[in-house]
């Protein structure tokens, strides 16, 4: 089972991948959104902002903590989060097989789809 630290390292890898994209592409594909990443096996919710400048304001909160709603909520196991971050698991495959669940508006879902490799 992955740890909170492993997930934080995964977010750093995801952020690096975002920042590798040309600024013009990031501006076109990313609208700033508040994101909650719920990791049930770690009883933790990570909160962050997705911006064209990358991931910002990353914090984690124990399960049961009262949090304001996020514009996008992702539910994923810790091991799958790390595997996606390390490119050992395709995000598209994880979505298709329901290993990752996303709750977002249709426009946000379409934009997120364009970010997936």
N, C-alpha and C. Protein backbone atom coordinates (compact mmCIF):
# COMPACT_ATOMS: atom_id res chain seq x y z
N UNK A 1 0.85 -1.18 0.00
CA UNK A 1 0.00 0.00 0.00
C UNK A 1 0.89 1.24 0.00
N UNK A 2 0.54 2.20 -0.82
CA UNK A 2 1.28 3.45 -0.89
C UNK A 2 1.04 4.28 0.36
N UNK A 3 1.95 5.19 0.61
CA UNK A 3 1.85 6.08 1.77
C UNK A 3 1.48 7.48 1.29
N UNK A 4 1.18 8.33 2.24
CA UNK A 4 0.89 9.73 1.91
C UNK A 4 2.11 10.36 1.24
N UNK A 5 3.31 10.05 1.76
CA UNK A 5 4.52 10.60 1.15
C UNK A 5 4.70 10.13 -0.30
N UNK A 6 4.38 8.86 -0.57
CA UNK A 6 4.47 8.35 -1.94
C UNK A 6 3.48 9.08 -2.85
N UNK A 7 2.29 9.36 -2.33
CA UNK A 7 1.30 10.11 -3.12
C UNK A 7 1.79 11.53 -3.37
N UNK A 8 2.39 12.17 -2.35
CA UNK A 8 2.92 13.52 -2.55
C UNK A 8 4.02 13.52 -3.61
N UNK A 9 4.87 12.49 -3.59
CA UNK A 9 5.88 12.35 -4.64
C UNK A 9 5.22 12.17 -6.00
N UNK A 10 4.12 11.42 -6.04
CA UNK A 10 3.37 11.25 -7.28
C UNK A 10 2.83 12.56 -7.81
N UNK A 11 2.30 13.39 -6.91
CA UNK A 11 1.82 14.70 -7.34
C UNK A 11 2.96 15.55 -7.90
N UNK A 12 4.15 15.42 -7.33
CA UNK A 12 5.31 16.16 -7.85
C UNK A 12 5.64 15.69 -9.27
N UNK A 13 5.54 14.39 -9.52
CA UNK A 13 5.78 13.88 -10.88
C UNK A 13 4.72 14.38 -11.86
N UNK A 14 3.47 14.38 -11.43
CA UNK A 14 2.38 14.88 -12.28
C UNK A 14 2.60 16.36 -12.58
N UNK A 15 3.00 17.12 -11.57
CA UNK A 15 3.26 18.54 -11.76
C UNK A 15 4.39 18.75 -12.77
N UNK A 16 5.44 17.95 -12.65
CA UNK A 16 6.56 18.06 -13.59
C UNK A 16 6.08 17.78 -15.02
N UNK A 17 5.21 16.77 -15.17
CA UNK A 17 4.68 16.42 -16.48
C UNK A 17 3.85 17.58 -17.05
N UNK A 18 3.06 18.22 -16.20
CA UNK A 18 2.26 19.37 -16.65
C UNK A 18 3.19 20.48 -17.13
N UNK A 19 4.23 20.77 -16.33
CA UNK A 19 5.13 21.88 -16.66
C UNK A 19 6.03 21.60 -17.86
N UNK A 20 6.16 20.33 -18.25
CA UNK A 20 6.93 20.00 -19.46
C UNK A 20 6.20 20.42 -20.73
N UNK A 21 4.90 20.61 -20.64
CA UNK A 21 4.12 21.04 -21.79
C UNK A 21 4.39 22.52 -22.08
N UNK A 22 4.42 22.91 -23.34
CA UNK A 22 4.62 24.33 -23.65
C UNK A 22 3.53 25.19 -23.00
N UNK A 23 3.93 26.38 -22.60
CA UNK A 23 3.00 27.28 -21.90
C UNK A 23 1.72 27.52 -22.71
N UNK A 24 1.86 27.68 -24.01
CA UNK A 24 0.69 27.91 -24.87
C UNK A 24 -0.29 26.73 -24.79
N UNK A 25 0.22 25.51 -24.77
CA UNK A 25 -0.63 24.32 -24.65
C UNK A 25 -1.33 24.30 -23.29
N UNK A 26 -0.58 24.60 -22.23
CA UNK A 26 -1.18 24.61 -20.89
C UNK A 26 -2.28 25.66 -20.80
N UNK A 27 -2.04 26.83 -21.37
CA UNK A 27 -3.07 27.89 -21.34
C UNK A 27 -4.32 27.45 -22.09
N UNK A 28 -4.13 26.71 -23.16
CA UNK A 28 -5.26 26.27 -23.98
C UNK A 28 -6.04 25.14 -23.30
N UNK A 29 -5.36 24.25 -22.63
CA UNK A 29 -5.99 23.05 -22.09
C UNK A 29 -6.42 23.13 -20.63
N UNK A 30 -5.84 24.04 -19.87
CA UNK A 30 -6.09 24.06 -18.42
C UNK A 30 -6.79 25.34 -18.00
N UNK A 31 -7.97 25.19 -17.42
CA UNK A 31 -8.64 26.28 -16.70
C UNK A 31 -8.40 26.02 -15.23
N UNK A 32 -8.15 27.07 -14.47
CA UNK A 32 -7.91 26.87 -13.05
C UNK A 32 -9.12 26.23 -12.39
N UNK A 33 -8.86 25.18 -11.62
CA UNK A 33 -9.93 24.44 -10.95
C UNK A 33 -9.46 24.01 -9.57
N UNK A 34 -10.39 23.99 -8.62
CA UNK A 34 -10.10 23.38 -7.33
C UNK A 34 -10.34 21.88 -7.48
N UNK A 35 -9.43 21.09 -6.92
CA UNK A 35 -9.48 19.65 -7.08
C UNK A 35 -9.35 18.98 -5.71
N UNK A 36 -10.18 17.97 -5.50
CA UNK A 36 -10.05 17.10 -4.33
C UNK A 36 -9.72 15.71 -4.85
N UNK A 37 -8.67 15.12 -4.33
CA UNK A 37 -8.30 13.76 -4.68
C UNK A 37 -8.50 12.91 -3.43
N UNK A 38 -9.54 12.09 -3.46
CA UNK A 38 -9.89 11.25 -2.33
C UNK A 38 -9.17 9.91 -2.48
N UNK A 39 -8.40 9.54 -1.45
CA UNK A 39 -7.67 8.28 -1.46
C UNK A 39 -8.21 7.45 -0.28
N UNK A 40 -9.24 6.63 -0.56
CA UNK A 40 -9.92 5.91 0.53
C UNK A 40 -9.01 4.98 1.33
N UNK A 41 -8.08 4.28 0.67
CA UNK A 41 -7.24 3.33 1.40
C UNK A 41 -6.28 4.02 2.37
N UNK A 42 -6.03 5.30 2.17
CA UNK A 42 -5.20 6.07 3.10
C UNK A 42 -6.04 6.96 4.01
N UNK A 43 -7.36 6.90 3.84
CA UNK A 43 -8.29 7.73 4.61
C UNK A 43 -7.86 9.20 4.57
N UNK A 44 -7.56 9.67 3.35
CA UNK A 44 -7.02 11.01 3.14
C UNK A 44 -7.63 11.66 1.92
N UNK A 45 -7.78 12.97 2.00
CA UNK A 45 -8.17 13.76 0.84
C UNK A 45 -7.10 14.81 0.59
N UNK A 46 -6.57 14.82 -0.62
CA UNK A 46 -5.62 15.84 -1.03
C UNK A 46 -6.41 16.97 -1.68
N UNK A 47 -6.12 18.20 -1.33
CA UNK A 47 -6.75 19.37 -1.94
C UNK A 47 -5.66 20.14 -2.68
N UNK A 48 -6.00 20.64 -3.87
CA UNK A 48 -5.05 21.41 -4.66
C UNK A 48 -5.79 22.25 -5.68
N UNK A 49 -5.05 23.11 -6.32
CA UNK A 49 -5.57 23.86 -7.46
C UNK A 49 -4.77 23.45 -8.69
N UNK A 50 -5.50 23.16 -9.76
CA UNK A 50 -4.89 22.88 -11.06
C UNK A 50 -4.88 24.19 -11.82
N UNK A 51 -3.69 24.64 -12.23
CA UNK A 51 -3.56 25.91 -12.94
C UNK A 51 -2.63 25.72 -14.13
N UNK A 52 -2.61 26.65 -15.08
CA UNK A 52 -1.64 26.55 -16.17
C UNK A 52 -0.19 26.59 -15.68
N UNK A 53 0.02 27.09 -14.47
CA UNK A 53 1.35 27.12 -13.87
C UNK A 53 1.66 25.83 -13.11
N UNK A 54 0.75 24.85 -13.18
CA UNK A 54 0.96 23.57 -12.51
C UNK A 54 0.03 23.39 -11.33
N UNK A 55 0.38 22.44 -10.47
CA UNK A 55 -0.42 22.16 -9.28
C UNK A 55 0.00 23.12 -8.18
N UNK A 56 -0.97 23.68 -7.48
CA UNK A 56 -0.67 24.67 -6.45
C UNK A 56 -1.46 24.36 -5.18
N UNK A 57 -0.95 24.84 -4.06
CA UNK A 57 -1.64 24.77 -2.77
C UNK A 57 -2.02 23.36 -2.37
N UNK A 58 -1.13 22.41 -2.58
CA UNK A 58 -1.40 21.00 -2.25
C UNK A 58 -1.36 20.79 -0.74
N UNK A 59 -2.45 20.27 -0.21
CA UNK A 59 -2.54 19.91 1.21
C UNK A 59 -3.23 18.56 1.31
N UNK A 60 -3.07 17.90 2.45
CA UNK A 60 -3.82 16.66 2.66
C UNK A 60 -4.51 16.72 4.01
N UNK A 61 -5.68 16.08 4.05
CA UNK A 61 -6.55 16.13 5.22
C UNK A 61 -7.03 14.73 5.55
N UNK A 62 -7.05 14.37 6.83
CA UNK A 62 -7.56 13.05 7.20
C UNK A 62 -9.02 12.90 6.82
N UNK A 63 -9.42 11.66 6.54
CA UNK A 63 -10.82 11.39 6.22
C UNK A 63 -11.72 11.90 7.32
N UNK A 64 -12.90 12.32 6.94
CA UNK A 64 -13.85 12.84 7.90
C UNK A 64 -13.71 14.33 8.15
N UNK A 65 -12.63 14.95 7.63
CA UNK A 65 -12.45 16.39 7.78
C UNK A 65 -13.48 17.10 6.92
N UNK A 66 -14.17 18.05 7.47
CA UNK A 66 -15.17 18.83 6.73
C UNK A 66 -14.45 19.79 5.78
N UNK A 67 -14.66 19.60 4.49
CA UNK A 67 -14.00 20.42 3.48
C UNK A 67 -15.05 21.03 2.56
N UNK A 68 -14.75 22.20 2.03
CA UNK A 68 -15.66 22.82 1.06
C UNK A 68 -15.61 22.00 -0.23
N UNK A 69 -16.70 22.00 -1.00
CA UNK A 69 -16.72 21.22 -2.25
C UNK A 69 -15.67 21.72 -3.25
N UNK A 70 -15.10 20.79 -3.98
CA UNK A 70 -14.15 21.13 -5.04
C UNK A 70 -14.88 21.08 -6.38
N UNK A 71 -14.34 21.78 -7.37
CA UNK A 71 -14.93 21.76 -8.70
C UNK A 71 -14.76 20.41 -9.37
N UNK A 72 -13.67 19.73 -9.03
CA UNK A 72 -13.39 18.40 -9.58
C UNK A 72 -13.01 17.50 -8.40
N UNK A 73 -13.64 16.34 -8.32
CA UNK A 73 -13.30 15.36 -7.30
C UNK A 73 -12.87 14.07 -7.98
N UNK A 74 -11.71 13.59 -7.60
CA UNK A 74 -11.15 12.36 -8.14
C UNK A 74 -11.03 11.37 -6.98
N UNK A 75 -11.50 10.16 -7.17
CA UNK A 75 -11.35 9.11 -6.17
C UNK A 75 -10.46 8.03 -6.77
N UNK A 76 -9.39 7.72 -6.06
CA UNK A 76 -8.40 6.77 -6.57
C UNK A 76 -7.66 6.13 -5.40
N UNK A 77 -7.28 4.87 -5.54
CA UNK A 77 -6.46 4.21 -4.54
C UNK A 77 -5.04 4.76 -4.56
N UNK A 78 -4.37 4.71 -3.44
CA UNK A 78 -3.01 5.24 -3.35
C UNK A 78 -2.05 4.59 -4.33
N UNK A 79 -2.11 3.25 -4.43
CA UNK A 79 -1.22 2.56 -5.36
C UNK A 79 -1.48 2.97 -6.80
N UNK A 80 -2.75 3.14 -7.16
CA UNK A 80 -3.09 3.56 -8.53
C UNK A 80 -2.65 4.99 -8.79
N UNK A 81 -2.79 5.88 -7.81
CA UNK A 81 -2.33 7.26 -7.96
C UNK A 81 -0.84 7.28 -8.26
N UNK A 82 -0.08 6.54 -7.49
CA UNK A 82 1.37 6.49 -7.70
C UNK A 82 1.71 5.85 -9.04
N UNK A 83 1.01 4.78 -9.40
CA UNK A 83 1.27 4.10 -10.68
C UNK A 83 0.98 5.02 -11.86
N UNK A 84 -0.08 5.81 -11.78
CA UNK A 84 -0.40 6.77 -12.85
C UNK A 84 0.69 7.82 -12.92
N UNK A 85 1.10 8.34 -11.77
CA UNK A 85 2.12 9.38 -11.73
C UNK A 85 3.44 8.88 -12.32
N UNK A 86 3.75 7.61 -12.07
CA UNK A 86 5.02 7.04 -12.55
C UNK A 86 4.89 6.43 -13.95
N UNK A 87 3.75 6.64 -14.60
CA UNK A 87 3.50 6.12 -15.95
C UNK A 87 3.52 4.59 -16.02
N UNK A 88 3.22 3.93 -14.91
CA UNK A 88 3.10 2.47 -14.92
C UNK A 88 1.66 2.05 -15.17
N UNK A 89 0.73 2.99 -15.07
CA UNK A 89 -0.68 2.76 -15.33
C UNK A 89 -1.20 3.91 -16.15
N UNK A 90 -1.87 3.60 -17.24
CA UNK A 90 -2.47 4.62 -18.09
C UNK A 90 -3.67 5.23 -17.39
N UNK A 91 -3.73 6.56 -17.34
CA UNK A 91 -4.88 7.23 -16.73
C UNK A 91 -6.16 6.89 -17.50
N UNK A 92 -6.05 6.78 -18.82
CA UNK A 92 -7.22 6.42 -19.62
C UNK A 92 -7.73 5.03 -19.26
N UNK A 93 -6.82 4.08 -19.11
CA UNK A 93 -7.20 2.72 -18.73
C UNK A 93 -7.80 2.71 -17.32
N UNK A 94 -7.20 3.46 -16.42
CA UNK A 94 -7.70 3.51 -15.04
C UNK A 94 -9.12 4.08 -15.00
N UNK A 95 -9.40 5.07 -15.83
CA UNK A 95 -10.76 5.62 -15.92
C UNK A 95 -11.72 4.60 -16.52
N UNK A 96 -11.29 3.96 -17.59
CA UNK A 96 -12.15 3.00 -18.29
C UNK A 96 -12.50 1.80 -17.42
N UNK A 97 -11.58 1.41 -16.55
CA UNK A 97 -11.81 0.24 -15.69
C UNK A 97 -12.31 0.64 -14.30
N UNK A 98 -12.63 1.91 -14.14
CA UNK A 98 -13.19 2.44 -12.88
C UNK A 98 -12.26 2.32 -11.69
N UNK A 99 -10.97 2.26 -11.95
CA UNK A 99 -10.00 2.33 -10.86
C UNK A 99 -9.85 3.77 -10.40
N UNK A 100 -10.24 4.69 -11.28
CA UNK A 100 -10.28 6.12 -10.98
C UNK A 100 -11.68 6.59 -11.30
N UNK A 101 -12.26 7.34 -10.38
CA UNK A 101 -13.59 7.92 -10.61
C UNK A 101 -13.46 9.43 -10.53
N UNK A 102 -14.13 10.11 -11.46
CA UNK A 102 -14.06 11.57 -11.52
C UNK A 102 -15.47 12.12 -11.45
N UNK A 103 -15.65 13.09 -10.58
CA UNK A 103 -16.91 13.80 -10.47
C UNK A 103 -16.62 15.26 -10.83
N UNK A 104 -17.13 15.67 -12.00
CA UNK A 104 -16.85 17.02 -12.50
C UNK A 104 -17.92 17.39 -13.52
N UNK A 105 -17.95 18.65 -13.88
CA UNK A 105 -18.88 19.09 -14.92
C UNK A 105 -18.44 18.49 -16.26
N UNK A 106 -19.35 18.46 -17.21
CA UNK A 106 -19.04 17.91 -18.53
C UNK A 106 -17.87 18.66 -19.17
N UNK A 107 -17.87 19.98 -19.08
CA UNK A 107 -16.78 20.74 -19.70
C UNK A 107 -15.44 20.42 -19.03
N UNK A 108 -15.45 20.24 -17.70
CA UNK A 108 -14.21 19.88 -17.02
C UNK A 108 -13.76 18.48 -17.42
N UNK A 109 -14.70 17.55 -17.57
CA UNK A 109 -14.35 16.20 -18.00
C UNK A 109 -13.71 16.21 -19.38
N UNK A 110 -14.27 17.01 -20.28
CA UNK A 110 -13.70 17.08 -21.64
C UNK A 110 -12.30 17.68 -21.62
N UNK A 111 -12.10 18.70 -20.81
CA UNK A 111 -10.76 19.30 -20.71
C UNK A 111 -9.77 18.31 -20.10
N UNK A 112 -10.21 17.59 -19.06
CA UNK A 112 -9.32 16.62 -18.43
C UNK A 112 -8.93 15.54 -19.40
N UNK A 113 -9.88 15.13 -20.25
CA UNK A 113 -9.59 14.11 -21.25
C UNK A 113 -8.45 14.55 -22.15
N UNK A 114 -8.42 15.83 -22.49
CA UNK A 114 -7.37 16.33 -23.38
C UNK A 114 -6.00 16.35 -22.68
N UNK A 115 -5.99 16.30 -21.35
CA UNK A 115 -4.72 16.29 -20.62
C UNK A 115 -4.13 14.90 -20.51
N UNK A 116 -4.97 13.88 -20.66
CA UNK A 116 -4.51 12.51 -20.49
C UNK A 116 -3.69 12.05 -21.68
N UNK A 117 -2.68 11.26 -21.40
CA UNK A 117 -1.90 10.71 -22.50
C UNK A 117 -2.34 9.30 -22.74
